Amino acid sequence: MAEKKLNPALSKPLQPSPELSAIVGSAPLPRSEMTKKLWDYIKAHNLQDPKDKRQIIADAALKKVFGQDSASMFEMTKLVSKHMK
């Protein structure tokens, strides 16, 4: 059985933009860790639509990252990727 190889691009630390660092902190983090911190923020601030938990209602900090009032959990990764270098 072949050994499974991890994709190094997914574990590479990325620098968050100033807008994103207001949510996840300013230290470089892997994409997976940034996504985890975003979800922690969303849940801590009760930003999921109560009728459809897949929909995220942006507060002032998330609006700066998303560039819109709301986003689906599937859109979120695309919108946030613009804020990682």
PDB file of N, CA and C in Angstrom:
ATOM      1  N   MET A   1       0.840  -1.178   0.000  1.00  0.00           N
ATOM      2  CA  MET A   1       0.000   0.000   0.000  1.00  0.00           C
ATOM      3  C   MET A   1       0.890   1.247   0.000  1.00  0.00           C
ATOM      4  N   ALA A   2       0.608   2.162  -0.882  1.00  0.00           N
ATOM      5  CA  ALA A   2       1.410   3.378  -0.995  1.00  0.00           C
ATOM      6  C   ALA A   2       1.164   4.297   0.198  1.00  0.00           C
ATOM      7  N   GLU A   3       2.223   4.958   0.604  1.00  0.00           N
ATOM      8  CA  GLU A   3       2.114   5.893   1.724  1.00  0.00           C
ATOM      9  C   GLU A   3       1.434   7.172   1.241  1.00  0.00           C
ATOM     10  N   LYS A   4       0.475   7.668   2.022  1.00  0.00           N
ATOM     11  CA  LYS A   4      -0.257   8.878   1.653  1.00  0.00           C
ATOM     12  C   LYS A   4       0.616  10.100   1.939  1.00  0.00           C
ATOM     13  N   LYS A   5       0.740  10.986   0.960  1.00  0.00           N
ATOM     14  CA  LYS A   5       1.565  12.178   1.122  1.00  0.00           C
ATOM     15  C   LYS A   5       0.671  13.388   1.347  1.00  0.00           C
ATOM     16  N   LEU A   6       1.072  14.221   2.286  1.00  0.00           N
ATOM     17  CA  LEU A   6       0.335  15.447   2.561  1.00  0.00           C
ATOM     18  C   LEU A   6       0.724  16.518   1.559  1.00  0.00           C
ATOM     19  N   ASN A   7      -0.209  17.374   1.238  1.00  0.00           N
ATOM     20  CA  ASN A   7       0.056  18.479   0.335  1.00  0.00           C
ATOM     21  C   ASN A   7       0.745  19.590   1.126  1.00  0.00           C
ATOM     22  N   PRO A   8       2.010  19.896   0.849  1.00  0.00           N
ATOM     23  CA  PRO A   8       2.714  20.914   1.632  1.00  0.00           C
ATOM     24  C   PRO A   8       2.115  22.316   1.481  1.00  0.00           C
ATOM     25  N   ALA A   9       1.428  22.581   0.385  1.00  0.00           N
ATOM     26  CA  ALA A   9       0.825  23.902   0.184  1.00  0.00           C
ATOM     27  C   ALA A   9      -0.276  24.169   1.205  1.00  0.00           C
ATOM     28  N   LEU A  10      -0.954  23.113   1.658  1.00  0.00           N
ATOM     29  CA  LEU A  10      -2.040  23.297   2.621  1.00  0.00           C
ATOM     30  C   LEU A  10      -1.526  23.545   4.034  1.00  0.00           C
ATOM     31  N   SER A  11      -0.315  23.113   4.330  1.00  0.00           N
ATOM     32  CA  SER A  11       0.223  23.297   5.676  1.00  0.00           C
ATOM     33  C   SER A  11       1.206  24.466   5.761  1.00  0.00           C
ATOM     34  N   LYS A  12       1.423  25.161   4.649  1.00  0.00           N
ATOM     35  CA  LYS A  12       2.342  26.293   4.622  1.00  0.00           C
ATOM     36  C   LYS A  12       1.715  27.483   5.356  1.00  0.00           C
ATOM     37  N   PRO A  13       2.428  28.083   6.317  1.00  0.00           N
ATOM     38  CA  PRO A  13       1.876  29.262   7.003  1.00  0.00           C
ATOM     39  C   PRO A  13       1.716  30.440   6.039  1.00  0.00           C
ATOM     40  N   LEU A  14       0.573  31.089   6.111  1.00  0.00           N
ATOM     41  CA  LEU A  14       0.270  32.245   5.273  1.00  0.00           C
ATOM     42  C   LEU A  14       0.042  33.462   6.161  1.00  0.00           C
ATOM     43  N   GLN A  15       0.384  34.631   5.650  1.00  0.00           N
ATOM     44  CA  GLN A  15       0.213  35.877   6.399  1.00  0.00           C
ATOM     45  C   GLN A  15      -1.195  36.426   6.144  1.00  0.00           C
ATOM     46  N   PRO A  16      -1.999  36.611   7.206  1.00  0.00           N
ATOM     47  CA  PRO A  16      -3.329  37.191   7.010  1.00  0.00           C
ATOM     48  C   PRO A  16      -3.240  38.692   6.743  1.00  0.00           C
ATOM     49  N   SER A  17      -4.182  39.211   5.967  1.00  0.00           N
ATOM     50  CA  SER A  17      -4.263  40.646   5.709  1.00  0.00           C
ATOM     51  C   SER A  17      -4.619  41.359   7.012  1.00  0.00           C
ATOM     52  N   PRO A  18      -4.471  42.687   7.069  1.00  0.00           N
ATOM     53  CA  PRO A  18      -4.868  43.418   8.280  1.00  0.00           C
ATOM     54  C   PRO A  18      -6.337  43.186   8.647  1.00  0.00           C
ATOM     55  N   GLU A  19      -7.211  43.094   7.640  1.00  0.00           N
ATOM     56  CA  GLU A  19      -8.639  42.858   7.902  1.00  0.00           C
ATOM     57  C   GLU A  19      -8.862  41.481   8.525  1.00  0.00           C
ATOM     58  N   LEU A  20      -8.212  40.472   7.976  1.00  0.00           N
ATOM     59  CA  LEU A  20      -8.366  39.112   8.490  1.00  0.00           C
ATOM     60  C   LEU A  20      -7.658  38.942   9.832  1.00  0.00           C
ATOM     61  N   SER A  21      -6.538  39.629  10.021  1.00  0.00           N
ATOM     62  CA  SER A  21      -5.802  39.491  11.283  1.00  0.00           C
ATOM     63  C   SER A  21      -6.589  40.050  12.464  1.00  0.00           C
ATOM     64  N   ALA A  22      -7.562  40.916  12.214  1.00  0.00           N
ATOM     65  CA  ALA A  22      -8.436  41.397  13.290  1.00  0.00           C
ATOM     66  C   ALA A  22      -9.267  40.248  13.863  1.00  0.00           C
ATOM     67  N   ILE A  23      -9.428  39.179  13.094  1.00  0.00           N
ATOM     68  CA  ILE A  23     -10.234  38.025  13.519  1.00  0.00           C
ATOM     69  C   ILE A  23      -9.352  36.861  13.963  1.00  0.00           C
ATOM     70  N   VAL A  24      -8.330  36.532  13.176  1.00  0.00           N
ATOM     71  CA  VAL A  24      -7.528  35.326  13.442  1.00  0.00           C
ATOM     72  C   VAL A  24      -6.180  35.609  14.098  1.00  0.00           C
ATOM     73  N   GLY A  25      -5.823  36.869  14.264  1.00  0.00           N
ATOM     74  CA  GLY A  25      -4.515  37.221  14.807  1.00  0.00           C
ATOM     75  C   GLY A  25      -3.538  37.521  13.689  1.00  0.00           C
ATOM     76  N   SER A  26      -2.427  38.154  14.023  1.00  0.00           N
ATOM     77  CA  SER A  26      -1.499  38.620  12.988  1.00  0.00           C
ATOM     78  C   SER A  26      -0.391  37.626  12.643  1.00  0.00           C
ATOM     79  N   ALA A  27      -0.269  36.541  13.397  1.00  0.00           N
ATOM     80  CA  ALA A  27       0.785  35.555  13.126  1.00  0.00           C
ATOM     81  C   ALA A  27       0.456  34.728  11.886  1.00  0.00           C
ATOM     82  N   PRO A  28       1.467  34.375  11.092  1.00  0.00           N
ATOM     83  CA  PRO A  28       1.234  33.488   9.946  1.00  0.00           C
ATOM     84  C   PRO A  28       0.707  32.131  10.418  1.00  0.00           C
ATOM     85  N   LEU A  29      -0.313  31.626   9.723  1.00  0.00           N
ATOM     86  CA  LEU A  29      -0.949  30.354  10.073  1.00  0.00           C
ATOM     87  C   LEU A  29      -1.218  29.544   8.815  1.00  0.00           C
ATOM     88  N   PRO A  30      -1.254  28.208   8.934  1.00  0.00           N
ATOM     89  CA  PRO A  30      -1.699  27.399   7.794  1.00  0.00           C
ATOM     90  C   PRO A  30      -3.171  27.699   7.486  1.00  0.00           C
ATOM     91  N   ARG A  31      -3.555  27.492   6.254  1.00  0.00           N
ATOM     92  CA  ARG A  31      -4.932  27.750   5.810  1.00  0.00           C
ATOM     93  C   ARG A  31      -5.957  27.032   6.695  1.00  0.00           C
ATOM     94  N   SER A  32      -5.659  25.797   7.082  1.00  0.00           N
ATOM     95  CA  SER A  32      -6.597  25.025   7.903  1.00  0.00           C
ATOM     96  C   SER A  32      -6.802  25.671   9.273  1.00  0.00           C
ATOM     97  N   GLU A  33      -5.736  26.194   9.852  1.00  0.00           N
ATOM     98  CA  GLU A  33      -5.832  26.835  11.170  1.00  0.00           C
ATOM     99  C   GLU A  33      -6.604  28.157  11.078  1.00  0.00           C
ATOM    100  N   MET A  34      -6.405  28.903   9.977  1.00  0.00           N
ATOM    101  CA  MET A  34      -7.168  30.149   9.791  1.00  0.00           C
ATOM    102  C   MET A  34      -8.655  29.848   9.675  1.00  0.00           C
ATOM    103  N   THR A  35      -8.997  28.801   8.928  1.00  0.00           N
ATOM    104  CA  THR A  35     -10.399  28.417   8.774  1.00  0.00           C
ATOM    105  C   THR A  35     -10.987  28.018  10.121  1.00  0.00           C
ATOM    106  N   LYS A  36     -10.229  27.283  10.917  1.00  0.00           N
ATOM    107  CA  LYS A  36     -10.693  26.878  12.247  1.00  0.00           C
ATOM    108  C   LYS A  36     -10.940  28.104  13.123  1.00  0.00           C
ATOM    109  N   LYS A  37     -10.015  29.065  13.107  1.00  0.00           N
ATOM    110  CA  LYS A  37     -10.174  30.277  13.919  1.00  0.00           C
ATOM    111  C   LYS A  37     -11.360  31.110  13.437  1.00  0.00           C
ATOM    112  N   LEU A  38     -11.583  31.140  12.126  1.00  0.00           N
ATOM    113  CA  LEU A  38     -12.755  31.849  11.592  1.00  0.00           C
ATOM    114  C   LEU A  38     -14.040  31.228  12.118  1.00  0.00           C
ATOM    115  N   TRP A  39     -14.112  29.891  12.081  1.00  0.00           N
ATOM    116  CA  TRP A  39     -15.311  29.210  12.586  1.00  0.00           C
ATOM    117  C   TRP A  39     -15.483  29.441  14.083  1.00  0.00           C
ATOM    118  N   ASP A  40     -14.389  29.455  14.836  1.00  0.00           N
ATOM    119  CA  ASP A  40     -14.472  29.754  16.270  1.00  0.00           C
ATOM    120  C   ASP A  40     -15.067  31.146  16.481  1.00  0.00           C
ATOM    121  N   TYR A  41     -14.614  32.121  15.675  1.00  0.00           N
ATOM    122  CA  TYR A  41     -15.114  33.500  15.759  1.00  0.00           C
ATOM    123  C   TYR A  41     -16.599  33.555  15.400  1.00  0.00           C
ATOM    124  N   ILE A  42     -16.966  32.888  14.310  1.00  0.00           N
ATOM    125  CA  ILE A  42     -18.361  32.889  13.848  1.00  0.00           C
ATOM    126  C   ILE A  42     -19.276  32.300  14.912  1.00  0.00           C
ATOM    127  N   LYS A  43     -18.873  31.194  15.502  1.00  0.00           N
ATOM    128  CA  LYS A  43     -19.699  30.546  16.532  1.00  0.00           C
ATOM    129  C   LYS A  43     -19.723  31.355  17.823  1.00  0.00           C
ATOM    130  N   ALA A  44     -18.597  31.936  18.225  1.00  0.00           N
ATOM    131  CA  ALA A  44     -18.533  32.727  19.460  1.00  0.00           C
ATOM    132  C   ALA A  44     -19.403  33.978  19.374  1.00  0.00           C
ATOM    133  N   HIS A  45     -19.534  34.535  18.159  1.00  0.00           N
ATOM    134  CA  HIS A  45     -20.329  35.749  17.966  1.00  0.00           C
ATOM    135  C   HIS A  45     -21.723  35.456  17.409  1.00  0.00           C
ATOM    136  N   ASN A  46     -22.084  34.168  17.359  1.00  0.00           N
ATOM    137  CA  ASN A  46     -23.418  33.742  16.917  1.00  0.00           C
ATOM    138  C   ASN A  46     -23.784  34.351  15.552  1.00  0.00           C
ATOM    139  N   LEU A  47     -22.911  34.156  14.566  1.00  0.00           N
ATOM    140  CA  LEU A  47     -23.088  34.773  13.249  1.00  0.00           C
ATOM    141  C   LEU A  47     -23.678  33.834  12.199  1.00  0.00           C
ATOM    142  N   GLN A  48     -24.092  32.634  12.614  1.00  0.00           N
ATOM    143  CA  GLN A  48     -24.753  31.736  11.669  1.00  0.00           C
ATOM    144  C   GLN A  48     -26.242  32.057  11.646  1.00  0.00           C
ATOM    145  N   ASP A  49     -26.830  32.031  10.454  1.00  0.00           N
ATOM    146  CA  ASP A  49     -28.269  32.253  10.309  1.00  0.00           C
ATOM    147  C   ASP A  49     -29.000  31.143  11.068  1.00  0.00           C
ATOM    148  N   PRO A  50     -29.898  31.502  12.005  1.00  0.00           N
ATOM    149  CA  PRO A  50     -30.589  30.463  12.783  1.00  0.00           C
ATOM    150  C   PRO A  50     -31.449  29.529  11.920  1.00  0.00           C
ATOM    151  N   LYS A  51     -31.939  30.013  10.783  1.00  0.00           N
ATOM    152  CA  LYS A  51     -32.785  29.196   9.902  1.00  0.00           C
ATOM    153  C   LYS A  51     -31.958  28.306   8.980  1.00  0.00           C
ATOM    154  N   ASP A  52     -30.742  28.746   8.652  1.00  0.00           N
ATOM    155  CA  ASP A  52     -29.864  27.994   7.751  1.00  0.00           C
ATOM    156  C   ASP A  52     -28.428  28.151   8.245  1.00  0.00           C
ATOM    157  N   LYS A  53     -27.959  27.198   9.024  1.00  0.00           N
ATOM    158  CA  LYS A  53     -26.639  27.285   9.661  1.00  0.00           C
ATOM    159  C   LYS A  53     -25.490  27.337   8.651  1.00  0.00           C
ATOM    160  N   ARG A  54     -25.776  27.023   7.383  1.00  0.00           N
ATOM    161  CA  ARG A  54     -24.730  27.105   6.356  1.00  0.00           C
ATOM    162  C   ARG A  54     -24.469  28.544   5.943  1.00  0.00           C
ATOM    163  N   GLN A  55     -25.372  29.446   6.285  1.00  0.00           N
ATOM    164  CA  GLN A  55     -25.261  30.852   5.912  1.00  0.00           C
ATOM    165  C   GLN A  55     -24.638  31.644   7.066  1.00  0.00           C
ATOM    166  N   ILE A  56     -23.652  32.470   6.763  1.00  0.00           N
ATOM    167  CA  ILE A  56     -22.956  33.277   7.764  1.00  0.00           C
ATOM    168  C   ILE A  56     -23.365  34.731   7.570  1.00  0.00           C
ATOM    169  N   ILE A  57     -23.828  35.345   8.649  1.00  0.00           N
ATOM    170  CA  ILE A  57     -24.214  36.754   8.631  1.00  0.00           C
ATOM    171  C   ILE A  57     -23.013  37.544   9.143  1.00  0.00           C
ATOM    172  N   ALA A  58     -22.451  38.391   8.301  1.00  0.00           N
ATOM    173  CA  ALA A  58     -21.212  39.094   8.635  1.00  0.00           C
ATOM    174  C   ALA A  58     -21.457  40.245   9.608  1.00  0.00           C
ATOM    175  N   ASP A  59     -20.595  40.342  10.627  1.00  0.00           N
ATOM    176  CA  ASP A  59     -20.580  41.526  11.477  1.00  0.00           C
ATOM    177  C   ASP A  59     -19.607  42.516  10.825  1.00  0.00           C
ATOM    178  N   ALA A  60     -19.300  43.621  11.492  1.00  0.00           N
ATOM    179  CA  ALA A  60     -18.444  44.657  10.898  1.00  0.00           C
ATOM    180  C   ALA A  60     -17.071  44.106  10.495  1.00  0.00           C
ATOM    181  N   ALA A  61     -16.472  43.280  11.350  1.00  0.00           N
ATOM    182  CA  ALA A  61     -15.139  42.735  11.049  1.00  0.00           C
ATOM    183  C   ALA A  61     -15.184  41.775   9.860  1.00  0.00           C
ATOM    184  N   LEU A  62     -16.203  40.913   9.812  1.00  0.00           N
ATOM    185  CA  LEU A  62     -16.303  39.958   8.700  1.00  0.00           C
ATOM    186  C   LEU A  62     -16.684  40.644   7.390  1.00  0.00           C
ATOM    187  N   LYS A  63     -17.440  41.738   7.458  1.00  0.00           N
ATOM    188  CA  LYS A  63     -17.791  42.470   6.231  1.00  0.00           C
ATOM    189  C   LYS A  63     -16.536  42.975   5.533  1.00  0.00           C
ATOM    190  N   LYS A  64     -15.536  43.380   6.331  1.00  0.00           N
ATOM    191  CA  LYS A  64     -14.274  43.849   5.741  1.00  0.00           C
ATOM    192  C   LYS A  64     -13.557  42.714   5.010  1.00  0.00           C
ATOM    193  N   VAL A  65     -13.724  41.496   5.493  1.00  0.00           N
ATOM    194  CA  VAL A  65     -13.084  40.333   4.871  1.00  0.00           C
ATOM    195  C   VAL A  65     -13.918  39.822   3.698  1.00  0.00           C
ATOM    196  N   PHE A  66     -15.226  39.642   3.925  1.00  0.00           N
ATOM    197  CA  PHE A  66     -16.111  39.092   2.893  1.00  0.00           C
ATOM    198  C   PHE A  66     -16.391  40.093   1.774  1.00  0.00           C
ATOM    199  N   GLY A  67     -16.506  41.378   2.123  1.00  0.00           N
ATOM    200  CA  GLY A  67     -16.899  42.384   1.145  1.00  0.00           C
ATOM    201  C   GLY A  67     -18.385  42.337   0.846  1.00  0.00           C
ATOM    202  N   GLN A  68     -19.156  41.676   1.707  1.00  0.00           N
ATOM    203  CA  GLN A  68     -20.609  41.568   1.547  1.00  0.00           C
ATOM    204  C   GLN A  68     -21.237  41.265   2.907  1.00  0.00           C
ATOM    205  N   ASP A  69     -22.571  41.364   2.974  1.00  0.00           N
ATOM    206  CA  ASP A  69     -23.285  41.214   4.244  1.00  0.00           C
ATOM    207  C   ASP A  69     -23.382  39.776   4.736  1.00  0.00           C
ATOM    208  N   SER A  70     -23.349  38.821   3.822  1.00  0.00           N
ATOM    209  CA  SER A  70     -23.444  37.415   4.215  1.00  0.00           C
ATOM    210  C   SER A  70     -22.755  36.547   3.167  1.00  0.00           C
ATOM    211  N   ALA A  71     -22.493  35.308   3.568  1.00  0.00           N
ATOM    212  CA  ALA A  71     -21.859  34.350   2.660  1.00  0.00           C
ATOM    213  C   ALA A  71     -22.212  32.951   3.125  1.00  0.00           C
ATOM    214  N   SER A  72     -22.261  32.023   2.183  1.00  0.00           N
ATOM    215  CA  SER A  72     -22.465  30.629   2.575  1.00  0.00           C
ATOM    216  C   SER A  72     -21.127  30.090   3.077  1.00  0.00           C
ATOM    217  N   MET A  73     -21.187  29.007   3.828  1.00  0.00           N
ATOM    218  CA  MET A  73     -19.942  28.420   4.336  1.00  0.00           C
ATOM    219  C   MET A  73     -19.051  27.947   3.190  1.00  0.00           C
ATOM    220  N   PHE A  74     -19.639  27.683   2.035  1.00  0.00           N
ATOM    221  CA  PHE A  74     -18.865  27.251   0.869  1.00  0.00           C
ATOM    222  C   PHE A  74     -18.178  28.445   0.198  1.00  0.00           C
ATOM    223  N   GLU A  75     -18.829  29.608   0.204  1.00  0.00           N
ATOM    224  CA  GLU A  75     -18.245  30.831  -0.351  1.00  0.00           C
ATOM    225  C   GLU A  75     -17.123  31.364   0.524  1.00  0.00           C
ATOM    226  N   MET A  76     -17.238  31.123   1.821  1.00  0.00           N
ATOM    227  CA  MET A  76     -16.325  31.717   2.794  1.00  0.00           C
ATOM    228  C   MET A  76     -14.862  31.468   2.441  1.00  0.00           C
ATOM    229  N   THR A  77     -14.499  30.248   2.101  1.00  0.00           N
ATOM    230  CA  THR A  77     -13.093  29.947   1.817  1.00  0.00           C
ATOM    231  C   THR A  77     -12.586  30.736   0.611  1.00  0.00           C
ATOM    232  N   LYS A  78     -13.428  30.914  -0.394  1.00  0.00           N
ATOM    233  CA  LYS A  78     -13.039  31.688  -1.570  1.00  0.00           C
ATOM    234  C   LYS A  78     -12.834  33.156  -1.200  1.00  0.00           C
ATOM    235  N   LEU A  79     -13.757  33.709  -0.416  1.00  0.00           N
ATOM    236  CA  LEU A  79     -13.674  35.114  -0.031  1.00  0.00           C
ATOM    237  C   LEU A  79     -12.473  35.377   0.878  1.00  0.00           C
ATOM    238  N   VAL A  80     -12.192  34.449   1.764  1.00  0.00           N
ATOM    239  CA  VAL A  80     -11.101  34.615   2.728  1.00  0.00           C
ATOM    240  C   VAL A  80      -9.740  34.405   2.069  1.00  0.00           C
ATOM    241  N   SER A  81      -9.666  33.574   1.042  1.00  0.00           N
ATOM    242  CA  SER A  81      -8.374  33.283   0.403  1.00  0.00           C
ATOM    243  C   SER A  81      -7.727  34.543  -0.176  1.00  0.00           C
ATOM    244  N   LYS A  82      -8.528  35.549  -0.509  1.00  0.00           N
ATOM    245  CA  LYS A  82      -7.991  36.818  -1.017  1.00  0.00           C
ATOM    246  C   LYS A  82      -7.214  37.565   0.065  1.00  0.00           C
ATOM    247  N   HIS A  83      -7.438  37.194   1.322  1.00  0.00           N
ATOM    248  CA  HIS A  83      -6.809  37.886   2.452  1.00  0.00           C
ATOM    249  C   HIS A  83      -5.637  37.103   3.040  1.00  0.00           C
ATOM    250  N   MET A  84      -5.123  36.120   2.293  1.00  0.00           N
ATOM    251  CA  MET A  84      -3.974  35.322   2.745  1.00  0.00           C
ATOM    252  C   MET A  84      -2.843  35.452   1.735  1.00  0.00           C
ATOM    253  N   LYS A  85      -1.622  35.687   2.233  1.00  0.00           N
ATOM    254  CA  LYS A  85      -0.461  35.786   1.336  1.00  0.00           C
ATOM    255  C   LYS A  85       0.634  34.862   1.801  1.00  0.00           C
TER     256      LYS A  85
END
